[in-house]
Protein backbone atom coordinates (compact mmCIF):
# COMPACT_ATOMS: atom_id res chain seq x y z
CA MET A 1 -0.06 -0.27 0.09
CA ASP A 2 2.63 2.12 0.80
CA ASP A 3 4.01 1.46 -2.67
CA LYS A 4 1.20 2.29 -4.62
CA PHE A 5 0.18 5.32 -2.96
CA ASN A 6 3.73 7.02 -3.18
CA ASP A 7 3.25 5.77 -6.74
CA LEU A 8 0.20 7.88 -6.99
CA ASN A 9 1.99 11.28 -5.39
CA TRP A 10 3.84 10.85 -8.58
CA ASP A 11 1.31 10.46 -10.67
CA GLU A 12 0.07 13.41 -9.30
CA ARG A 13 3.50 15.21 -9.38
CA THR A 14 3.52 14.51 -13.36
CA ARG A 15 1.03 15.58 -14.27
CA VAL A 16 1.00 18.88 -12.15
CA ALA A 17 4.92 19.04 -14.66
CA VAL A 18 3.54 18.59 -17.76
CA GLY A 19 0.34 21.29 -17.34
CA SER A 20 2.74 23.92 -16.01
CA ASP A 21 3.81 24.39 -19.89
CA LYS A 22 7.42 23.46 -18.85
CA ASP A 23 10.48 23.07 -21.53
CA GLY A 24 8.10 24.88 -23.72
CA LYS A 25 5.77 21.52 -23.67
CA THR A 26 1.86 22.05 -22.74
CA ASN A 27 -1.03 19.66 -21.73
CA THR A 28 -3.98 21.84 -21.05
CA ARG A 29 -5.64 18.61 -20.01
CA TRP A 30 -3.44 18.64 -16.99
CA GLU A 31 -3.50 22.91 -16.52
CA ILE A 32 -3.92 24.15 -13.21
CA TYR A 33 -7.11 26.37 -13.51
CA GLN A 34 -5.42 30.04 -12.52
CA HIS A 35 -8.04 32.88 -12.11
CA SER A 36 -7.86 36.81 -11.79
CA GLU A 37 -10.02 37.43 -9.39
CA PRO A 38 -11.98 40.77 -9.32
CA ASP A 39 -10.76 42.60 -6.44
CA GLY A 40 -7.11 40.97 -7.32
CA LYS A 41 -7.21 39.68 -3.94
CA ASN A 42 -6.96 35.59 -3.96
CA THR A 43 -9.94 35.36 -1.35
CA MET A 44 -11.99 32.21 -3.42
CA ASP A 45 -9.86 30.24 -2.28
CA ARG A 46 -9.84 28.42 1.41
CA TYR A 47 -5.68 27.24 0.72
CA VAL A 48 -3.88 28.72 -2.25
CA ASN A 49 -2.68 25.31 -3.04
CA ILE A 50 -5.92 23.12 -4.03
CA LYS A 51 -7.11 24.67 -7.20
CA PRO A 52 -9.45 22.33 -9.47
CA TRP A 53 -7.79 21.40 -13.24
CA ALA A 54 -8.76 23.87 -16.01
CA GLN A 55 -10.89 21.21 -17.85
CA ASN A 56 -13.34 20.10 -15.47
CA ARG A 57 -14.32 23.01 -13.28
CA VAL A 58 -17.51 24.00 -12.52
CA ARG A 59 -18.02 27.38 -14.06
CA LEU A 60 -20.97 29.32 -13.80
CA ALA A 61 -23.13 30.81 -16.20
CA VAL A 62 -22.74 34.18 -15.76
CA PRO A 63 -22.33 36.90 -18.76
CA GLU A 64 -18.97 36.24 -21.20
CA GLY A 65 -16.96 38.71 -19.20
CA ASP A 66 -18.20 38.21 -16.11
CA PHE A 67 -16.61 36.48 -12.66
CA ASP A 68 -16.80 32.35 -13.29
CA TYR A 69 -14.53 30.95 -10.99
CA VAL A 70 -15.32 28.63 -7.69
CA ASN A 71 -13.13 26.02 -6.26
CA ALA A 72 -15.39 22.99 -7.31
CA SER A 73 -14.68 20.22 -9.39
CA HIS A 74 -16.50 18.09 -12.07
CA ILE A 75 -16.38 13.84 -10.72
CA VAL A 76 -17.62 11.34 -13.15
CA LEU A 77 -17.26 7.94 -11.82
CA PRO A 78 -19.04 4.70 -14.08
CA SER A 79 -19.51 1.22 -12.72
CA PRO A 80 -17.15 -1.16 -14.51
CA SER A 81 -18.85 -3.83 -13.86
CA ASP A 82 -21.97 -3.05 -14.60
CA PRO A 83 -21.51 -0.33 -17.79
CA GLY A 84 -24.80 -0.75 -18.21
CA ARG A 85 -25.57 1.63 -14.04
CA PRO A 86 -25.39 4.89 -14.59
CA PRO A 87 -22.59 6.61 -13.15
CA LEU A 88 -22.19 8.00 -9.28
CA LYS A 89 -21.83 12.39 -9.84
CA TYR A 90 -20.81 14.59 -7.64
CA ILE A 91 -18.94 17.94 -7.38
CA ALA A 92 -16.20 18.36 -4.71
CA MET A 93 -15.64 22.26 -3.96
CA GLN A 94 -13.63 23.60 -1.16
CA GLY A 95 -15.62 25.01 2.19
CA PRO A 96 -16.60 28.47 1.11
CA THR A 97 -15.23 31.17 2.29
CA PRO A 98 -16.16 34.66 2.67
CA ALA A 99 -15.99 36.01 -0.72
CA SER A 100 -17.49 32.60 -2.30
CA ILE A 101 -20.87 32.01 -0.82
CA LYS A 102 -23.23 33.73 -3.79
CA TYR A 103 -20.52 32.51 -6.00
CA VAL A 104 -21.24 28.86 -4.17
CA TRP A 105 -24.86 29.20 -3.95
CA ARG A 106 -25.55 30.27 -7.24
CA MET A 107 -23.26 27.11 -8.47
CA ILE A 108 -26.17 24.95 -6.27
CA ALA A 109 -29.48 26.56 -8.69
CA GLU A 110 -26.98 25.82 -11.55
CA GLN A 111 -25.51 22.28 -11.20
CA LEU A 112 -28.39 20.62 -8.91
CA PRO A 113 -31.90 19.71 -10.02
CA SER A 114 -34.36 20.11 -7.14
CA PRO A 115 -34.36 18.27 -4.56
CA ALA A 116 -30.37 18.82 -4.23
CA VAL A 117 -27.64 18.03 -0.84
CA ILE A 118 -24.76 19.03 -0.01
CA VAL A 119 -22.32 16.67 2.71
CA GLN A 120 -20.25 18.54 4.57
CA LEU A 121 -17.71 16.15 5.85
CA THR A 122 -16.03 19.03 7.96
CA PRO A 123 -16.87 20.80 11.47
CA PHE A 124 -16.68 25.33 10.77
CA ILE A 125 -13.69 25.32 13.50
CA GLU A 126 -12.03 22.79 14.12
CA ASN A 127 -8.86 22.91 16.83
CA GLY A 128 -9.61 26.41 17.25
CA ILE A 129 -8.97 26.52 13.12
CA VAL A 130 -11.84 28.51 9.96
CA LYS A 131 -12.20 24.85 8.44
CA CYS A 132 -15.10 26.43 6.31
CA ASN A 133 -17.06 29.63 6.47
CA LEU A 134 -20.79 29.80 7.71
CA TYR A 135 -22.55 29.43 4.20
CA PHE A 136 -26.31 29.44 5.41
CA PRO A 137 -29.13 30.94 7.21
CA ASP A 138 -29.03 28.88 10.30
CA GLY A 139 -32.32 29.36 12.96
CA ASP A 140 -35.05 31.46 12.74
CA ALA A 141 -33.45 34.87 14.00
CA ASP A 142 -32.02 35.58 10.93
CA PRO A 143 -33.73 32.66 8.89
CA VAL A 144 -33.80 34.45 4.96
CA TRP A 145 -30.94 35.35 3.60
CA ARG A 146 -30.90 37.52 -0.89
CA ILE A 147 -28.59 35.46 -2.47
CA HIS A 148 -27.14 38.22 -5.96
CA GLY A 149 -24.42 39.92 -7.42
CA GLU A 150 -24.98 43.31 -6.15
CA ASP A 151 -21.85 44.54 -5.95
CA GLY A 152 -21.04 43.90 -10.20
CA ALA A 153 -19.81 40.28 -9.96
CA TRP A 154 -22.69 39.92 -13.03
CA GLU A 155 -24.19 41.95 -15.14
CA ASP A 156 -26.83 39.87 -15.25
CA GLY A 157 -28.81 40.11 -11.94
CA TRP A 158 -29.25 37.11 -10.94
CA SER A 159 -30.50 36.70 -7.37
CA ALA A 160 -32.23 34.24 -4.84
CA ASP A 161 -33.71 33.83 -1.85
CA LEU A 162 -31.81 31.02 0.85
CA LYS A 163 -34.73 29.82 3.48
CA TYR A 164 -33.60 28.06 6.45
CA GLU A 165 -36.81 25.86 6.99
CA GLY A 166 -36.07 23.65 10.36
CA ARG A 167 -33.08 20.86 10.91
CA GLU A 168 -32.90 16.88 12.54
CA VAL A 169 -30.29 15.95 14.47
CA PHE A 170 -29.39 12.20 13.73
CA ASN A 171 -27.13 9.30 15.31
CA GLU A 172 -26.67 10.78 18.88
CA GLY A 173 -25.28 14.48 17.84
CA ALA A 174 -23.24 12.34 14.12
CA MET A 175 -24.89 14.18 11.48
CA VAL A 176 -26.80 17.01 11.19
CA ARG A 177 -29.74 17.46 8.91
CA ARG A 178 -30.99 20.64 7.43
CA LYS A 179 -34.25 21.86 4.87
CA PHE A 180 -33.72 24.78 3.08
CA SER A 181 -35.84 26.70 0.11
CA LEU A 182 -33.97 27.69 -2.59
CA HIS A 183 -36.09 30.49 -4.58
CA VAL A 184 -34.27 32.04 -7.93
CA VAL A 185 -35.55 34.51 -8.58
CA GLY A 186 -37.93 35.03 -12.06
CA GLU A 187 -38.92 31.17 -11.69
CA ASP A 188 -42.62 29.73 -9.98
CA GLU A 189 -41.17 27.16 -7.60
CA PRO A 190 -38.27 26.95 -4.35
CA ARG A 191 -36.14 24.55 -4.79
CA THR A 192 -35.73 21.96 -1.89
CA VAL A 193 -31.74 21.68 -0.63
CA TRP A 194 -31.07 19.55 2.08
CA HIS A 195 -27.74 20.39 4.01
CA PHE A 196 -26.18 17.09 5.87
CA LEU A 197 -22.78 18.11 8.46
CA TYR A 198 -21.10 14.86 9.26
CA CYS A 199 -18.89 15.57 12.37
CA GLN A 200 -17.22 13.29 13.06
CA TRP A 201 -14.22 12.91 10.90
CA PRO A 202 -11.46 14.84 12.07
CA ASP A 203 -9.26 16.65 9.34
CA PHE A 204 -6.38 14.70 7.84
CA GLY A 205 -7.67 11.07 9.99
CA VAL A 206 -9.80 8.51 9.64
CA LEU A 207 -13.11 7.67 11.48
CA THR A 208 -13.35 4.97 13.41
CA LYS A 209 -14.66 0.95 13.74
CA THR A 210 -17.90 2.32 15.94
CA ASP A 211 -18.39 5.97 13.67
CA LEU A 212 -18.35 3.66 10.59
CA ALA A 213 -22.72 3.29 11.24
CA SER A 214 -23.13 6.54 11.33
CA PHE A 215 -20.98 7.26 7.99
CA PHE A 216 -23.04 4.50 6.06
CA GLU A 217 -26.12 6.20 7.27
CA LEU A 218 -24.42 9.65 5.75
CA MET A 219 -24.18 8.24 2.34
CA ARG A 220 -27.81 6.08 2.59
CA LEU A 221 -29.68 8.99 3.82
CA THR A 222 -27.92 12.04 1.24
CA ARG A 223 -28.61 9.56 -2.26
CA GLU A 224 -31.67 8.82 -1.57
CA HIS A 225 -32.88 12.87 -0.54
CA SER A 226 -31.30 13.96 -3.70
CA SER A 227 -32.24 14.28 -7.16
CA PRO A 228 -31.87 11.23 -9.12
CA ASP A 229 -30.29 12.85 -12.59
CA GLY A 230 -28.19 15.34 -10.57
CA PRO A 231 -24.27 15.12 -8.38
CA ARG A 232 -24.81 15.58 -4.85
CA VAL A 233 -22.21 18.03 -4.04
CA VAL A 234 -19.45 17.26 -1.26
CA HIS A 235 -17.15 18.95 0.67
CA CYS A 236 -14.47 19.01 3.63
CA SER A 237 -12.22 22.04 3.93
CA ALA A 238 -9.33 21.67 0.94
CA GLY A 239 -12.46 18.94 -1.24
CA VAL A 240 -9.79 16.59 -1.34
CA GLY A 241 -9.00 14.59 1.93
CA ARG A 242 -12.07 13.44 3.57
CA THR A 243 -14.42 14.44 0.14
CA GLY A 244 -12.36 12.30 -1.90
CA THR A 245 -12.57 9.72 0.52
CA PHE A 246 -16.56 9.52 1.07
CA ILE A 247 -16.90 9.49 -2.56
CA ALA A 248 -13.96 6.66 -3.64
CA LEU A 249 -15.42 4.49 -0.85
CA GLU A 250 -19.39 4.98 -1.86
CA HIS A 251 -17.90 4.08 -5.16
CA LEU A 252 -15.99 0.88 -4.16
CA ILE A 253 -19.02 0.16 -1.94
CA ARG A 254 -21.65 0.03 -4.88
CA GLU A 255 -19.29 -1.76 -6.43
CA LEU A 256 -19.07 -4.57 -4.03
CA ASP A 257 -22.53 -5.18 -4.03
CA CYS A 258 -23.21 -5.79 -7.57
CA GLY A 259 -20.60 -8.25 -7.15
CA GLY A 260 -17.96 -5.34 -9.23
CA LEU A 261 -15.08 -6.74 -6.66
CA TYR A 262 -15.46 -10.35 -6.90
CA ASP A 263 -15.10 -12.72 -9.79
CA PRO A 264 -14.90 -16.32 -10.33
CA SER A 265 -12.86 -16.41 -13.30
CA ASP A 266 -9.62 -14.80 -12.47
CA VAL A 267 -9.10 -17.83 -10.83
CA ASP A 268 -8.00 -21.10 -12.29
CA GLY A 269 -11.19 -23.72 -13.00
CA GLY A 270 -14.48 -21.00 -12.73
CA GLU A 271 -16.76 -22.21 -11.32
CA GLU A 272 -15.51 -24.81 -10.07
CA ALA A 273 -12.71 -23.28 -8.28
CA THR A 274 -11.17 -24.98 -4.76
CA PRO A 275 -9.53 -23.54 -2.05
CA HIS A 276 -5.87 -24.83 -3.31
CA LYS A 277 -6.19 -23.30 -6.33
CA THR A 278 -4.46 -18.87 -7.08
CA PRO A 279 -5.26 -16.52 -9.38
CA ARG A 280 -4.02 -16.26 -12.68
CA SER A 281 -2.51 -13.03 -12.61
CA PRO A 282 -1.92 -10.78 -10.63
CA ARG A 283 -6.00 -8.67 -10.43
CA PRO A 284 -5.97 -4.93 -11.04
CA ASP A 285 -5.84 -2.73 -7.87
CA MET A 286 -9.31 -1.66 -7.68
CA ILE A 287 -8.81 0.80 -4.98
CA MET A 288 -5.04 1.85 -6.29
CA ARG A 289 -7.68 2.59 -9.86
CA VAL A 290 -10.63 4.74 -8.38
CA VAL A 291 -8.17 7.22 -6.21
CA ASP A 292 -6.19 7.46 -9.30
CA ALA A 293 -9.61 8.12 -11.01
CA LEU A 294 -10.94 10.64 -9.42
CA ARG A 295 -6.48 12.01 -9.05
CA GLN A 296 -7.90 13.01 -12.75
CA GLN A 297 -10.75 14.55 -11.90
CA ARG A 298 -9.62 17.05 -8.73
CA LYS A 299 -5.57 16.90 -7.44
CA GLY A 300 -4.64 15.34 -4.34
CA MET A 301 -8.38 13.69 -3.70
CA VAL A 302 -7.29 10.58 -1.07
CA GLN A 303 -4.81 13.88 0.60
CA THR A 304 -2.89 11.04 2.83
CA GLU A 305 -1.89 7.52 2.93
CA THR A 306 -3.44 7.18 6.43
CA GLN A 307 -7.17 8.43 4.39
CA TYR A 308 -5.60 5.92 1.52
CA ARG A 309 -5.66 2.16 4.38
CA PHE A 310 -8.85 2.92 5.83
CA ILE A 311 -10.50 2.78 2.15
CA HIS A 312 -8.45 -0.28 1.51
CA HIS A 313 -9.48 -1.90 5.12
CA VAL A 314 -12.92 -0.75 4.80
CA ILE A 315 -14.06 -2.43 1.96
CA ARG A 316 -11.72 -5.58 3.08
CA ASP A 317 -13.97 -5.83 5.79
CA LEU A 318 -16.70 -5.44 4.15
CA TRP A 319 -16.22 -7.69 1.33
CA ASP A 320 -15.07 -10.14 4.40
CA GLU A 321 -18.47 -10.36 5.13
CA ARG A 322 -19.55 -10.31 2.02
CA TYR A 323 -18.05 -13.76 0.95
CA GLY A 324 -17.27 -15.45 4.27
CA ALA A 325 -13.58 -15.12 4.34
CA SER A 326 -11.48 -14.32 7.54
CA ARG A 327 -7.90 -12.63 8.00
CA ASP A 328 -7.18 -16.05 9.64
CA THR A 329 -9.18 -18.74 8.67
CA PRO A 330 -10.13 -19.73 4.90
CA PRO A 331 -14.57 -20.06 4.73
CA THR A 332 -16.22 -22.62 5.69
CA ALA A 333 -19.52 -21.84 4.16
CA GLU A 334 -21.44 -20.21 2.10
CA GLY A 335 -21.28 -16.12 2.34
CA ASP A 336 -24.35 -13.81 2.21
CA GLY A 337 -25.06 -12.81 -1.50
CA ALA A 338 -21.86 -16.17 -2.74
CA SER A 339 -22.24 -18.64 -4.56
CA PRO A 340 -20.54 -22.27 -2.71
CA ALA A 341 -17.43 -21.59 -4.88
CA GLN A 342 -16.94 -18.36 -4.69
CA ALA A 343 -17.22 -18.89 -0.78
CA ALA A 344 -15.06 -22.08 -1.07
CA ASP A 345 -12.04 -19.64 -3.04
CA ALA A 346 -12.97 -16.32 -1.21
CA ALA A 347 -9.77 -16.73 0.87
CA SER A 348 -7.68 -17.34 -2.07
CA ALA A 349 -8.96 -15.00 -4.35
CA ASP A 350 -9.10 -12.05 -1.57
CA PRO A 351 -7.79 -9.21 -3.45
CA PHE A 352 -7.42 -6.73 -0.53
CA THR A 353 -4.22 -8.85 1.34
CA ASP A 354 -1.32 -6.95 1.80
CA ASP A 355 1.85 -7.55 4.65
CA SER A 356 0.04 -5.21 7.33
CA ASP A 357 -2.59 -5.94 9.41
CA THR A 358 -2.93 -2.96 10.57
CA ASP A 359 -7.14 -2.08 11.91
CA MET A 360 -7.16 2.02 10.63
CA THR A 361 -10.47 1.50 11.56
CA GLY A 362 -10.16 1.89 15.16
CA ASP A 363 -11.11 -0.32 17.54
CA GLY A 364 -11.90 -3.40 15.67
CA GLY A 365 -14.97 -6.83 16.61
CA ALA A 366 -18.18 -4.04 14.97
CA THR A 367 -19.92 -5.45 11.92
CA LEU A 368 -19.47 -3.67 8.88
CA HIS A 369 -23.51 -3.27 6.99
CA PRO A 370 -24.03 -0.54 4.63
CA ARG A 371 -27.13 -2.30 3.62
CA GLU A 372 -29.73 -0.36 1.40
CA ASP A 373 -32.81 -1.47 3.42
CA SER A 374 -31.25 -0.80 6.93
CA PRO A 375 -33.54 1.16 9.20
CA THR A 376 -33.57 5.15 9.00
CA PRO A 377 -32.22 6.27 12.58
CA SER A 378 -34.16 8.62 15.53
CA ALA A 379 -33.59 12.40 15.00
CA SER A 380 -34.32 14.74 17.34
CA GLY A 381 -34.13 17.76 17.94
């Protein structure tokens, strides 16, 4: 895993070098977008070293010549195991700064059909540092914000009213769901916007295993609340670490659910494989592949090696549950959803083997069940 994560970092450095027009070579695909703000200051980017690739940044539909920038990237992940499935679509963005708030809400109005979903994976303040500025009204004292370009940001007069509708607290405070209505001036009906704040994930770190149940609920609820035709906005502080980990895990869990992380034909003997059979050749590392695909769409996704290992161990545990495998002993019975041949061969075809047995998900022993039919948590507050 160490070597593979290092390879991902080197591949990214190569892209940046190629895209920066060194040695007179030009590759616009890997050009990092450089913007010029109207006031000459860099107030739109929370971190100056985290900017979108120019080729897939989100552009506001403003009049030509107006400032169209948001630190956000389109993310699309098709299913390699089932090409007929609709791809997962997201917008990965930085936590809004004061100057970027109106641009973010215009982006949401333009890019997300109703109902829209925003997933926030960072607290507003963490260890005394502002990680994300409050970008919505949050109570009855100030329930409506007018979003507009009154300072000349946009020449088309776009504006909208953002109204706070209420909030609920889930999973003993792990998750807060807020509801807003966004009424763009000139449209007949307001749009519904759901905002999910997940409170358990430390910056540069990973979740403990005891937090995974609420994390899987976050994935499920945000899918259910979102329009099936539109992307979900996902952000942390920089929009790459926790954001990339969330997206990678959701994609890999979907692949696991549709059988995409197990193929008995990879093993000598195919359907008749037995435990002593071995894979014909090393199977591709699907985790490395999806992280690479994410980084080709937004630089720095899955930011730390700890997050990369976390993905590996979560998917490994879920794979073990599905196919009846164990880290210590071969499977002896048919696993959940697996054929007898799959269950018998799960250990020898295990694609998640690593020399290290470190449990990156914290206290062991908890069972992971990100099931589509898991019960809705009780709400309070």
